[in-house]
Full PDB file with SEQRES, HELIX, SHEET, SSBOND, CRYST1, ORIGX, SCALE, CONECT and MASTER records, all heavy atoms in Angstrom:
SEQRES   1 A   39  LYS ASN LYS LYS ILE PHE ILE VAL ILE ILE ILE PHE SER          
SEQRES   2 A   39  ASN LEU LEU LEU LEU ILE SER CYS LYS ASN SER ASN ASN          
SEQRES   3 A   39  HIS ILE LYS SER TYR ASP TYR PHE GLU VAL LEU LYS SER          
HELIX    1 AA1 TYR A   33  LYS A   38  1                                   6    
SHEET    1 AA1 2 ILE A  10  PHE A  12  0                                        
SHEET    2 AA1 2 LEU A  15  LEU A  17 -1                                        
CRYST1    1.000    1.000    1.000  90.00  90.00  90.00 P 1           1          
ORIGX1      1.000000  0.000000  0.000000        0.00000                         
ORIGX2      0.000000  1.000000  0.000000        0.00000                         
ORIGX3      0.000000  0.000000  1.000000        0.00000                         
SCALE1      1.000000  0.000000  0.000000        0.00000                         
SCALE2      0.000000  1.000000  0.000000        0.00000                         
SCALE3      0.000000  0.000000  1.000000        0.00000                         
ATOM      1  N   LYS A   1     -19.478   3.221  -3.955  1.00  0.00           N  
ATOM      2  CA  LYS A   1     -18.119   2.975  -4.469  1.00  0.00           C  
ATOM      3  C   LYS A   1     -17.570   4.229  -5.069  1.00  0.00           C  
ATOM      4  O   LYS A   1     -18.156   4.913  -5.926  1.00  0.00           O  
ATOM      5  CB  LYS A   1     -18.181   1.903  -5.557  1.00  0.00           C  
ATOM      6  CG  LYS A   1     -16.799   1.372  -5.970  1.00  0.00           C  
ATOM      7  CD  LYS A   1     -17.022   0.177  -6.863  1.00  0.00           C  
ATOM      8  CE  LYS A   1     -15.641  -0.426  -7.240  1.00  0.00           C  
ATOM      9  NZ  LYS A   1     -15.772  -1.614  -8.055  1.00  0.00           N  
ATOM     10  N   ASN A   2     -16.307   4.593  -4.657  1.00  0.00           N  
ATOM     11  CA  ASN A   2     -15.707   5.834  -5.180  1.00  0.00           C  
ATOM     12  C   ASN A   2     -14.337   5.519  -5.683  1.00  0.00           C  
ATOM     13  O   ASN A   2     -13.655   4.568  -5.227  1.00  0.00           O  
ATOM     14  CB  ASN A   2     -15.538   6.846  -3.987  1.00  0.00           C  
ATOM     15  CG  ASN A   2     -16.853   7.337  -3.461  1.00  0.00           C  
ATOM     16  OD1 ASN A   2     -17.492   8.218  -4.123  1.00  0.00           O  
ATOM     17  ND2 ASN A   2     -17.294   6.850  -2.370  1.00  0.00           N  
ATOM     18  N   LYS A   3     -13.878   6.372  -6.598  1.00  0.00           N  
ATOM     19  CA  LYS A   3     -12.476   6.196  -7.081  1.00  0.00           C  
ATOM     20  C   LYS A   3     -11.586   6.948  -6.173  1.00  0.00           C  
ATOM     21  O   LYS A   3     -11.670   8.111  -6.003  1.00  0.00           O  
ATOM     22  CB  LYS A   3     -12.369   6.763  -8.529  1.00  0.00           C  
ATOM     23  CG  LYS A   3     -10.936   6.651  -9.111  1.00  0.00           C  
ATOM     24  CD  LYS A   3     -10.916   7.221 -10.480  1.00  0.00           C  
ATOM     25  CE  LYS A   3      -9.509   7.134 -11.016  1.00  0.00           C  
ATOM     26  NZ  LYS A   3      -9.415   7.735 -12.418  1.00  0.00           N  
ATOM     27  N   LYS A   4     -10.680   6.192  -5.494  1.00  0.00           N  
ATOM     28  CA  LYS A   4      -9.712   6.826  -4.605  1.00  0.00           C  
ATOM     29  C   LYS A   4      -8.568   5.903  -4.391  1.00  0.00           C  
ATOM     30  O   LYS A   4      -8.516   4.777  -4.842  1.00  0.00           O  
ATOM     31  CB  LYS A   4     -10.421   7.089  -3.277  1.00  0.00           C  
ATOM     32  CG  LYS A   4     -11.153   5.952  -2.624  1.00  0.00           C  
ATOM     33  CD  LYS A   4     -11.885   6.435  -1.439  1.00  0.00           C  
ATOM     34  CE  LYS A   4     -12.913   5.457  -0.970  1.00  0.00           C  
ATOM     35  NZ  LYS A   4     -14.008   5.317  -1.910  1.00  0.00           N  
ATOM     36  N   ILE A   5      -7.581   6.378  -3.635  1.00  0.00           N  
ATOM     37  CA  ILE A   5      -6.401   5.714  -3.339  1.00  0.00           C  
ATOM     38  C   ILE A   5      -6.432   5.155  -1.965  1.00  0.00           C  
ATOM     39  O   ILE A   5      -6.832   5.956  -1.041  1.00  0.00           O  
ATOM     40  CB  ILE A   5      -5.106   6.549  -3.540  1.00  0.00           C  
ATOM     41  CG1 ILE A   5      -5.062   7.034  -4.972  1.00  0.00           C  
ATOM     42  CG2 ILE A   5      -3.879   5.779  -3.231  1.00  0.00           C  
ATOM     43  CD1 ILE A   5      -3.966   8.074  -5.213  1.00  0.00           C  
ATOM     44  N   PHE A   6      -6.038   3.962  -1.731  1.00  0.00           N  
ATOM     45  CA  PHE A   6      -5.997   3.391  -0.391  1.00  0.00           C  
ATOM     46  C   PHE A   6      -4.551   2.937  -0.096  1.00  0.00           C  
ATOM     47  O   PHE A   6      -3.964   2.171  -0.980  1.00  0.00           O  
ATOM     48  CB  PHE A   6      -6.948   2.212  -0.307  1.00  0.00           C  
ATOM     49  CG  PHE A   6      -6.851   1.517   1.034  1.00  0.00           C  
ATOM     50  CD1 PHE A   6      -7.406   2.099   2.171  1.00  0.00           C  
ATOM     51  CD2 PHE A   6      -6.266   0.259   1.167  1.00  0.00           C  
ATOM     52  CE1 PHE A   6      -7.346   1.439   3.364  1.00  0.00           C  
ATOM     53  CE2 PHE A   6      -6.193  -0.372   2.365  1.00  0.00           C  
ATOM     54  CZ  PHE A   6      -6.755   0.196   3.449  1.00  0.00           C  
ATOM     55  N   ILE A   7      -3.932   3.346   0.997  1.00  0.00           N  
ATOM     56  CA  ILE A   7      -2.599   3.045   1.244  1.00  0.00           C  
ATOM     57  C   ILE A   7      -2.435   2.404   2.628  1.00  0.00           C  
ATOM     58  O   ILE A   7      -2.996   2.989   3.575  1.00  0.00           O  
ATOM     59  CB  ILE A   7      -1.704   4.278   1.210  1.00  0.00           C  
ATOM     60  CG1 ILE A   7      -1.867   4.973  -0.167  1.00  0.00           C  
ATOM     61  CG2 ILE A   7      -0.241   3.962   1.424  1.00  0.00           C  
ATOM     62  CD1 ILE A   7      -1.221   6.296  -0.249  1.00  0.00           C  
ATOM     63  N   VAL A   8      -1.755   1.350   2.771  1.00  0.00           N  
ATOM     64  CA  VAL A   8      -1.425   0.787   4.091  1.00  0.00           C  
ATOM     65  C   VAL A   8      -0.010   0.407   4.148  1.00  0.00           C  
ATOM     66  O   VAL A   8       0.517  -0.367   3.284  1.00  0.00           O  
ATOM     67  CB  VAL A   8      -2.263  -0.443   4.425  1.00  0.00           C  
ATOM     68  CG1 VAL A   8      -1.872  -1.017   5.759  1.00  0.00           C  
ATOM     69  CG2 VAL A   8      -3.737  -0.068   4.454  1.00  0.00           C  
ATOM     70  N   ILE A   9       0.787   0.886   5.109  1.00  0.00           N  
ATOM     71  CA  ILE A   9       2.105   0.383   5.358  1.00  0.00           C  
ATOM     72  C   ILE A   9       2.147  -0.302   6.713  1.00  0.00           C  
ATOM     73  O   ILE A   9       1.676   0.287   7.660  1.00  0.00           O  
ATOM     74  CB  ILE A   9       3.178   1.525   5.335  1.00  0.00           C  
ATOM     75  CG1 ILE A   9       3.098   2.331   4.090  1.00  0.00           C  
ATOM     76  CG2 ILE A   9       4.598   0.984   5.544  1.00  0.00           C  
ATOM     77  CD1 ILE A   9       4.019   3.523   4.136  1.00  0.00           C  
ATOM     78  N   ILE A  10       2.755  -1.446   6.788  1.00  0.00           N  
ATOM     79  CA  ILE A  10       2.996  -2.052   8.036  1.00  0.00           C  
ATOM     80  C   ILE A  10       4.427  -2.484   8.136  1.00  0.00           C  
ATOM     81  O   ILE A  10       4.892  -3.275   7.314  1.00  0.00           O  
ATOM     82  CB  ILE A  10       2.063  -3.263   8.290  1.00  0.00           C  
ATOM     83  CG1 ILE A  10       0.619  -2.846   8.163  1.00  0.00           C  
ATOM     84  CG2 ILE A  10       2.291  -3.862   9.667  1.00  0.00           C  
ATOM     85  CD1 ILE A  10      -0.318  -3.958   8.213  1.00  0.00           C  
ATOM     86  N   ILE A  11       5.164  -2.052   9.075  1.00  0.00           N  
ATOM     87  CA  ILE A  11       6.592  -2.380   9.171  1.00  0.00           C  
ATOM     88  C   ILE A  11       6.898  -2.829  10.607  1.00  0.00           C  
ATOM     89  O   ILE A  11       6.658  -2.150  11.574  1.00  0.00           O  
ATOM     90  CB  ILE A  11       7.518  -1.239   8.803  1.00  0.00           C  
ATOM     91  CG1 ILE A  11       7.265  -0.777   7.382  1.00  0.00           C  
ATOM     92  CG2 ILE A  11       8.960  -1.567   9.039  1.00  0.00           C  
ATOM     93  CD1 ILE A  11       8.098   0.394   6.954  1.00  0.00           C  
ATOM     94  N   PHE A  12       7.309  -4.091  10.708  1.00  0.00           N  
ATOM     95  CA  PHE A  12       7.924  -4.573  11.969  1.00  0.00           C  
ATOM     96  C   PHE A  12       9.398  -4.551  11.860  1.00  0.00           C  
ATOM     97  O   PHE A  12       9.968  -5.366  11.082  1.00  0.00           O  
ATOM     98  CB  PHE A  12       7.505  -6.012  12.293  1.00  0.00           C  
ATOM     99  CG  PHE A  12       5.979  -6.127  12.727  1.00  0.00           C  
ATOM    100  CD1 PHE A  12       5.050  -6.399  11.775  1.00  0.00           C  
ATOM    101  CD2 PHE A  12       5.615  -5.779  13.997  1.00  0.00           C  
ATOM    102  CE1 PHE A  12       3.711  -6.516  12.169  1.00  0.00           C  
ATOM    103  CE2 PHE A  12       4.271  -5.823  14.376  1.00  0.00           C  
ATOM    104  CZ  PHE A  12       3.304  -6.202  13.464  1.00  0.00           C  
ATOM    105  N   SER A  13      10.081  -3.655  12.534  1.00  0.00           N  
ATOM    106  CA  SER A  13      11.566  -3.452  12.337  1.00  0.00           C  
ATOM    107  C   SER A  13      11.773  -3.151  10.861  1.00  0.00           C  
ATOM    108  O   SER A  13      11.343  -2.201  10.353  1.00  0.00           O  
ATOM    109  CB  SER A  13      12.313  -4.669  12.805  1.00  0.00           C  
ATOM    110  OG  SER A  13      12.080  -4.814  14.254  1.00  0.00           O  
ATOM    111  N   ASN A  14      12.459  -4.130  10.179  1.00  0.00           N  
ATOM    112  CA  ASN A  14      12.762  -3.892   8.712  1.00  0.00           C  
ATOM    113  C   ASN A  14      11.902  -4.719   7.834  1.00  0.00           C  
ATOM    114  O   ASN A  14      12.177  -4.811   6.610  1.00  0.00           O  
ATOM    115  CB  ASN A  14      14.241  -4.186   8.430  1.00  0.00           C  
ATOM    116  CG  ASN A  14      15.167  -3.243   9.231  1.00  0.00           C  
ATOM    117  OD1 ASN A  14      14.903  -2.106   9.245  1.00  0.00           O  
ATOM    118  ND2 ASN A  14      16.242  -3.752   9.732  1.00  0.00           N  
ATOM    119  N   LEU A  15      10.847  -5.346   8.341  1.00  0.00           N  
ATOM    120  CA  LEU A  15       9.976  -6.227   7.551  1.00  0.00           C  
ATOM    121  C   LEU A  15       8.744  -5.487   7.128  1.00  0.00           C  
ATOM    122  O   LEU A  15       8.047  -4.904   7.916  1.00  0.00           O  
ATOM    123  CB  LEU A  15       9.567  -7.469   8.351  1.00  0.00           C  
ATOM    124  CG  LEU A  15       8.607  -8.402   7.695  1.00  0.00           C  
ATOM    125  CD1 LEU A  15       9.250  -9.037   6.438  1.00  0.00           C  
ATOM    126  CD2 LEU A  15       8.155  -9.473   8.640  1.00  0.00           C  
ATOM    127  N   LEU A  16       8.513  -5.442   5.836  1.00  0.00           N  
ATOM    128  CA  LEU A  16       7.414  -4.767   5.262  1.00  0.00           C  
ATOM    129  C   LEU A  16       6.276  -5.753   4.860  1.00  0.00           C  
ATOM    130  O   LEU A  16       6.556  -6.717   4.188  1.00  0.00           O  
ATOM    131  CB  LEU A  16       7.790  -3.976   4.008  1.00  0.00           C  
ATOM    132  CG  LEU A  16       6.719  -3.162   3.362  1.00  0.00           C  
ATOM    133  CD1 LEU A  16       6.338  -1.965   4.162  1.00  0.00           C  
ATOM    134  CD2 LEU A  16       7.191  -2.683   1.922  1.00  0.00           C  
ATOM    135  N   LEU A  17       5.071  -5.471   5.290  1.00  0.00           N  
ATOM    136  CA  LEU A  17       3.942  -6.360   5.001  1.00  0.00           C  
ATOM    137  C   LEU A  17       2.844  -5.533   4.369  1.00  0.00           C  
ATOM    138  O   LEU A  17       2.705  -4.345   4.658  1.00  0.00           O  
ATOM    139  CB  LEU A  17       3.426  -7.048   6.262  1.00  0.00           C  
ATOM    140  CG  LEU A  17       4.393  -7.911   7.051  1.00  0.00           C  
ATOM    141  CD1 LEU A  17       3.744  -8.345   8.320  1.00  0.00           C  
ATOM    142  CD2 LEU A  17       4.869  -9.083   6.246  1.00  0.00           C  
ATOM    143  N   LEU A  18       2.008  -6.127   3.562  1.00  0.00           N  
ATOM    144  CA  LEU A  18       0.914  -5.444   2.973  1.00  0.00           C  
ATOM    145  C   LEU A  18      -0.400  -6.079   3.481  1.00  0.00           C  
ATOM    146  O   LEU A  18      -0.529  -7.325   3.521  1.00  0.00           O  
ATOM    147  CB  LEU A  18       0.896  -5.658   1.421  1.00  0.00           C  
ATOM    148  CG  LEU A  18      -0.366  -5.233   0.685  1.00  0.00           C  
ATOM    149  CD1 LEU A  18      -0.523  -3.694   0.736  1.00  0.00           C  
ATOM    150  CD2 LEU A  18      -0.356  -5.727  -0.735  1.00  0.00           C  
ATOM    151  N   ILE A  19      -1.304  -5.258   3.901  1.00  0.00           N  
ATOM    152  CA  ILE A  19      -2.638  -5.728   4.262  1.00  0.00           C  
ATOM    153  C   ILE A  19      -3.550  -5.369   3.142  1.00  0.00           C  
ATOM    154  O   ILE A  19      -3.742  -4.217   2.804  1.00  0.00           O  
ATOM    155  CB  ILE A  19      -3.131  -5.044   5.564  1.00  0.00           C  
ATOM    156  CG1 ILE A  19      -2.273  -5.468   6.734  1.00  0.00           C  
ATOM    157  CG2 ILE A  19      -4.578  -5.341   5.877  1.00  0.00           C  
ATOM    158  CD1 ILE A  19      -2.331  -6.890   7.083  1.00  0.00           C  
ATOM    159  N   SER A  20      -4.200  -6.368   2.546  1.00  0.00           N  
ATOM    160  CA  SER A  20      -5.200  -6.075   1.458  1.00  0.00           C  
ATOM    161  C   SER A  20      -6.138  -7.242   1.422  1.00  0.00           C  
ATOM    162  O   SER A  20      -6.006  -8.226   2.124  1.00  0.00           O  
ATOM    163  CB  SER A  20      -4.387  -6.000   0.128  1.00  0.00           C  
ATOM    164  OG  SER A  20      -3.794  -7.199  -0.174  1.00  0.00           O  
ATOM    165  N   CYS A  21      -7.165  -7.130   0.567  1.00  0.00           N  
ATOM    166  CA  CYS A  21      -8.116  -8.148   0.428  1.00  0.00           C  
ATOM    167  C   CYS A  21      -7.744  -9.145  -0.646  1.00  0.00           C  
ATOM    168  O   CYS A  21      -7.375  -8.736  -1.717  1.00  0.00           O  
ATOM    169  CB  CYS A  21      -9.493  -7.497   0.118  1.00  0.00           C  
ATOM    170  SG  CYS A  21     -10.774  -8.746  -0.131  1.00  0.00           S  
ATOM    171  N   LYS A  22      -7.816 -10.403  -0.347  1.00  0.00           N  
ATOM    172  CA  LYS A  22      -7.381 -11.368  -1.331  1.00  0.00           C  
ATOM    173  C   LYS A  22      -8.230 -11.358  -2.596  1.00  0.00           C  
ATOM    174  O   LYS A  22      -7.791 -11.820  -3.663  1.00  0.00           O  
ATOM    175  CB  LYS A  22      -7.418 -12.817  -0.729  1.00  0.00           C  
ATOM    176  CG  LYS A  22      -6.336 -13.011   0.415  1.00  0.00           C  
ATOM    177  CD  LYS A  22      -6.410 -14.401   0.931  1.00  0.00           C  
ATOM    178  CE  LYS A  22      -5.410 -14.609   2.012  1.00  0.00           C  
ATOM    179  NZ  LYS A  22      -5.457 -15.956   2.572  1.00  0.00           N  
ATOM    180  N   ASN A  23      -9.465 -10.929  -2.437  1.00  0.00           N  
ATOM    181  CA  ASN A  23     -10.356 -10.921  -3.589  1.00  0.00           C  
ATOM    182  C   ASN A  23     -10.357  -9.636  -4.371  1.00  0.00           C  
ATOM    183  O   ASN A  23     -11.152  -9.444  -5.284  1.00  0.00           O  
ATOM    184  CB  ASN A  23     -11.849 -11.160  -3.043  1.00  0.00           C  
ATOM    185  CG  ASN A  23     -11.951 -12.576  -2.463  1.00  0.00           C  
ATOM    186  OD1 ASN A  23     -11.405 -13.557  -2.934  1.00  0.00           O  
ATOM    187  ND2 ASN A  23     -12.744 -12.657  -1.376  1.00  0.00           N  
ATOM    188  N   SER A  24      -9.516  -8.749  -3.975  1.00  0.00           N  
ATOM    189  CA  SER A  24      -9.449  -7.447  -4.617  1.00  0.00           C  
ATOM    190  C   SER A  24      -8.791  -7.564  -6.086  1.00  0.00           C  
ATOM    191  O   SER A  24      -7.829  -8.269  -6.243  1.00  0.00           O  
ATOM    192  CB  SER A  24      -8.657  -6.445  -3.841  1.00  0.00           C  
ATOM    193  OG  SER A  24      -8.563  -5.247  -4.465  1.00  0.00           O  
ATOM    194  N   ASN A  25      -9.345  -6.814  -6.926  1.00  0.00           N  
ATOM    195  CA  ASN A  25      -8.762  -6.777  -8.296  1.00  0.00           C  
ATOM    196  C   ASN A  25      -8.079  -5.500  -8.589  1.00  0.00           C  
ATOM    197  O   ASN A  25      -7.865  -5.109  -9.778  1.00  0.00           O  
ATOM    198  CB  ASN A  25      -9.927  -6.958  -9.387  1.00  0.00           C  
ATOM    199  CG  ASN A  25     -10.545  -8.379  -9.236  1.00  0.00           C  
ATOM    200  OD1 ASN A  25      -9.838  -9.331  -9.156  1.00  0.00           O  
ATOM    201  ND2 ASN A  25     -11.852  -8.412  -9.363  1.00  0.00           N  
ATOM    202  N   ASN A  26      -7.628  -4.818  -7.564  1.00  0.00           N  
ATOM    203  CA  ASN A  26      -6.963  -3.532  -7.770  1.00  0.00           C  
ATOM    204  C   ASN A  26      -5.624  -3.684  -8.370  1.00  0.00           C  
ATOM    205  O   ASN A  26      -4.942  -4.674  -8.202  1.00  0.00           O  
ATOM    206  CB  ASN A  26      -6.888  -2.782  -6.388  1.00  0.00           C  
ATOM    207  CG  ASN A  26      -8.278  -2.491  -5.840  1.00  0.00           C  
ATOM    208  OD1 ASN A  26      -9.030  -1.763  -6.407  1.00  0.00           O  
ATOM    209  ND2 ASN A  26      -8.576  -3.137  -4.748  1.00  0.00           N  
ATOM    210  N   HIS A  27      -5.186  -2.609  -8.999  1.00  0.00           N  
ATOM    211  CA  HIS A  27      -3.843  -2.475  -9.514  1.00  0.00           C  
ATOM    212  C   HIS A  27      -2.858  -2.211  -8.455  1.00  0.00           C  
ATOM    213  O   HIS A  27      -3.004  -1.192  -7.775  1.00  0.00           O  
ATOM    214  CB  HIS A  27      -3.795  -1.429 -10.617  1.00  0.00           C  
ATOM    215  CG  HIS A  27      -2.539  -1.386 -11.321  1.00  0.00           C  
ATOM    216  ND1 HIS A  27      -2.066  -0.253 -12.011  1.00  0.00           N  
ATOM    217  CD2 HIS A  27      -1.580  -2.354 -11.556  1.00  0.00           C  
ATOM    218  CE1 HIS A  27      -0.958  -0.493 -12.575  1.00  0.00           C  
ATOM    219  NE2 HIS A  27      -0.599  -1.782 -12.345  1.00  0.00           N  
ATOM    220  N   ILE A  28      -1.911  -3.128  -8.153  1.00  0.00           N  
ATOM    221  CA  ILE A  28      -0.983  -2.943  -7.060  1.00  0.00           C  
ATOM    222  C   ILE A  28       0.393  -2.617  -7.598  1.00  0.00           C  
ATOM    223  O   ILE A  28       0.900  -3.277  -8.479  1.00  0.00           O  
ATOM    224  CB  ILE A  28      -0.935  -4.241  -6.203  1.00  0.00           C  
ATOM    225  CG1 ILE A  28      -2.346  -4.580  -5.710  1.00  0.00           C  
ATOM    226  CG2 ILE A  28       0.003  -4.063  -5.042  1.00  0.00           C  
ATOM    227  CD1 ILE A  28      -2.384  -5.823  -4.884  1.00  0.00           C  
ATOM    228  N   LYS A  29       1.000  -1.609  -7.071  1.00  0.00           N  
ATOM    229  CA  LYS A  29       2.388  -1.206  -7.494  1.00  0.00           C  
ATOM    230  C   LYS A  29       3.177  -1.055  -6.195  1.00  0.00           C  
ATOM    231  O   LYS A  29       2.667  -0.830  -5.114  1.00  0.00           O  
ATOM    232  CB  LYS A  29       2.314   0.138  -8.208  1.00  0.00           C  
ATOM    233  CG  LYS A  29       1.469   0.129  -9.477  1.00  0.00           C  
ATOM    234  CD  LYS A  29       1.544   1.537 -10.105  1.00  0.00           C  
ATOM    235  CE  LYS A  29       0.666   1.499 -11.363  1.00  0.00           C  
ATOM    236  NZ  LYS A  29       0.655   2.873 -11.981  1.00  0.00           N  
ATOM    237  N   SER A  30       4.461  -1.179  -6.364  1.00  0.00           N  
ATOM    238  CA  SER A  30       5.408  -1.000  -5.309  1.00  0.00           C  
ATOM    239  C   SER A  30       6.052   0.386  -5.333  1.00  0.00           C  
ATOM    240  O   SER A  30       6.476   0.838  -6.397  1.00  0.00           O  
ATOM    241  CB  SER A  30       6.520  -2.062  -5.269  1.00  0.00           C  
ATOM    242  OG  SER A  30       7.441  -1.837  -4.187  1.00  0.00           O  
ATOM    243  N   TYR A  31       6.090   1.082  -4.196  1.00  0.00           N  
ATOM    244  CA  TYR A  31       6.623   2.419  -4.132  1.00  0.00           C  
ATOM    245  C   TYR A  31       7.605   2.564  -3.030  1.00  0.00           C  
ATOM    246  O   TYR A  31       7.437   1.911  -1.965  1.00  0.00           O  
ATOM    247  CB  TYR A  31       5.506   3.470  -3.956  1.00  0.00           C  
ATOM    248  CG  TYR A  31       4.617   3.666  -5.207  1.00  0.00           C  
ATOM    249  CD1 TYR A  31       3.518   2.955  -5.437  1.00  0.00           C  
ATOM    250  CD2 TYR A  31       5.018   4.620  -6.151  1.00  0.00           C  
ATOM    251  CE1 TYR A  31       2.756   3.102  -6.588  1.00  0.00           C  
ATOM    252  CE2 TYR A  31       4.267   4.867  -7.259  1.00  0.00           C  
ATOM    253  CZ  TYR A  31       3.107   4.071  -7.494  1.00  0.00           C  
ATOM    254  OH  TYR A  31       2.368   4.303  -8.543  1.00  0.00           O  
ATOM    255  N   ASP A  32       8.565   3.447  -3.131  1.00  0.00           N  
ATOM    256  CA  ASP A  32       9.465   3.717  -2.101  1.00  0.00           C  
ATOM    257  C   ASP A  32       8.769   4.456  -0.994  1.00  0.00           C  
ATOM    258  O   ASP A  32       7.928   5.377  -1.221  1.00  0.00           O  
ATOM    259  CB  ASP A  32      10.653   4.583  -2.634  1.00  0.00           C  
ATOM    260  CG  ASP A  32      11.617   5.019  -1.576  1.00  0.00           C  
ATOM    261  OD1 ASP A  32      12.429   4.087  -1.217  1.00  0.00           O  
ATOM    262  OD2 ASP A  32      11.531   6.111  -1.080  1.00  0.00           O  
ATOM    263  N   TYR A  33       9.016   4.135   0.271  1.00  0.00           N  
ATOM    264  CA  TYR A  33       8.403   4.690   1.501  1.00  0.00           C  
ATOM    265  C   TYR A  33       8.522   6.226   1.380  1.00  0.00           C  
ATOM    266  O   TYR A  33       7.467   6.917   1.621  1.00  0.00           O  
ATOM    267  CB  TYR A  33       9.106   4.112   2.706  1.00  0.00           C  
ATOM    268  CG  TYR A  33       8.740   4.791   4.005  1.00  0.00           C  
ATOM    269  CD1 TYR A  33       7.462   4.611   4.552  1.00  0.00           C  
ATOM    270  CD2 TYR A  33       9.645   5.596   4.714  1.00  0.00           C  
ATOM    271  CE1 TYR A  33       7.171   5.205   5.763  1.00  0.00           C  
ATOM    272  CE2 TYR A  33       9.311   6.133   5.912  1.00  0.00           C  
ATOM    273  CZ  TYR A  33       8.061   5.951   6.423  1.00  0.00           C  
ATOM    274  OH  TYR A  33       7.717   6.564   7.620  1.00  0.00           O  
ATOM    275  N   PHE A  34       9.681   6.760   1.097  1.00  0.00           N  
ATOM    276  CA  PHE A  34       9.800   8.163   1.106  1.00  0.00           C  
ATOM    277  C   PHE A  34       9.152   8.900  -0.056  1.00  0.00           C  
ATOM    278  O   PHE A  34       8.666   9.984   0.053  1.00  0.00           O  
ATOM    279  CB  PHE A  34      11.339   8.537   1.137  1.00  0.00           C  
ATOM    280  CG  PHE A  34      12.069   8.061   2.378  1.00  0.00           C  
ATOM    281  CD1 PHE A  34      12.878   6.933   2.267  1.00  0.00           C  
ATOM    282  CD2 PHE A  34      11.866   8.690   3.560  1.00  0.00           C  
ATOM    283  CE1 PHE A  34      13.471   6.428   3.413  1.00  0.00           C  
ATOM    284  CE2 PHE A  34      12.499   8.206   4.685  1.00  0.00           C  
ATOM    285  CZ  PHE A  34      13.285   7.082   4.634  1.00  0.00           C  
ATOM    286  N   GLU A  35       9.037   8.183  -1.140  1.00  0.00           N  
ATOM    287  CA  GLU A  35       8.274   8.693  -2.336  1.00  0.00           C  
ATOM    288  C   GLU A  35       6.826   8.909  -1.943  1.00  0.00           C  
ATOM    289  O   GLU A  35       6.109   9.802  -2.372  1.00  0.00           O  
ATOM    290  CB  GLU A  35       8.487   7.829  -3.551  1.00  0.00           C  
ATOM    291  CG  GLU A  35       9.892   7.922  -4.125  1.00  0.00           C  
ATOM    292  CD  GLU A  35      10.301   9.362  -4.538  1.00  0.00           C  
ATOM    293  OE1 GLU A  35       9.502  10.091  -5.180  1.00  0.00           O  
ATOM    294  OE2 GLU A  35      11.421   9.783  -4.182  1.00  0.00           O  
ATOM    295  N   VAL A  36       6.291   7.860  -1.266  1.00  0.00           N  
ATOM    296  CA  VAL A  36       4.898   7.968  -0.853  1.00  0.00           C  
ATOM    297  C   VAL A  36       4.654   9.089   0.088  1.00  0.00           C  
ATOM    298  O   VAL A  36       3.666   9.865  -0.061  1.00  0.00           O  
ATOM    299  CB  VAL A  36       4.485   6.618  -0.166  1.00  0.00           C  
ATOM    300  CG1 VAL A  36       3.042   6.762   0.424  1.00  0.00           C  
ATOM    301  CG2 VAL A  36       4.447   5.491  -1.219  1.00  0.00           C  
ATOM    302  N   LEU A  37       5.538   9.315   1.054  1.00  0.00           N  
ATOM    303  CA  LEU A  37       5.402  10.430   1.986  1.00  0.00           C  
ATOM    304  C   LEU A  37       5.334  11.762   1.177  1.00  0.00           C  
ATOM    305  O   LEU A  37       4.648  12.720   1.541  1.00  0.00           O  
ATOM    306  CB  LEU A  37       6.488  10.444   3.020  1.00  0.00           C  
ATOM    307  CG  LEU A  37       6.434   9.258   4.011  1.00  0.00           C  
ATOM    308  CD1 LEU A  37       7.562   9.522   5.100  1.00  0.00           C  
ATOM    309  CD2 LEU A  37       5.121   9.195   4.697  1.00  0.00           C  
ATOM    310  N   LYS A  38       6.217  11.839   0.143  1.00  0.00           N  
ATOM    311  CA  LYS A  38       6.318  13.070  -0.647  1.00  0.00           C  
ATOM    312  C   LYS A  38       5.023  13.323  -1.384  1.00  0.00           C  
ATOM    313  O   LYS A  38       4.751  14.498  -1.813  1.00  0.00           O  
ATOM    314  CB  LYS A  38       7.454  12.933  -1.628  1.00  0.00           C  
ATOM    315  CG  LYS A  38       8.832  13.018  -1.022  1.00  0.00           C  
ATOM    316  CD  LYS A  38       9.934  12.889  -2.057  1.00  0.00           C  
ATOM    317  CE  LYS A  38      11.283  12.897  -1.447  1.00  0.00           C  
ATOM    318  NZ  LYS A  38      12.400  12.677  -2.446  1.00  0.00           N  
ATOM    319  N   SER A  39       4.192  12.331  -1.583  1.00  0.00           N  
ATOM    320  CA  SER A  39       2.955  12.465  -2.334  1.00  0.00           C  
ATOM    321  C   SER A  39       1.877  13.213  -1.505  1.00  0.00           C  
ATOM    322  O   SER A  39       0.805  13.602  -2.041  1.00  0.00           O  
ATOM    323  CB  SER A  39       2.434  11.204  -2.881  1.00  0.00           C  
ATOM    324  OG  SER A  39       2.025  10.331  -1.810  1.00  0.00           O  
TER     325      SER A  39                                                      
MASTER        0    0    0    1    2    0    0    6  324    1    0    3          
END                                                                             
């Protein structure tokens, strides 16, 4: 187990979906698509 960032974007046309594990206790935040690319 390592401390790291995991990012998944899935977009069908204009629909944004998140793929994650239902049992995960991670801290989830919402970010602008372009802001993420800038990181």
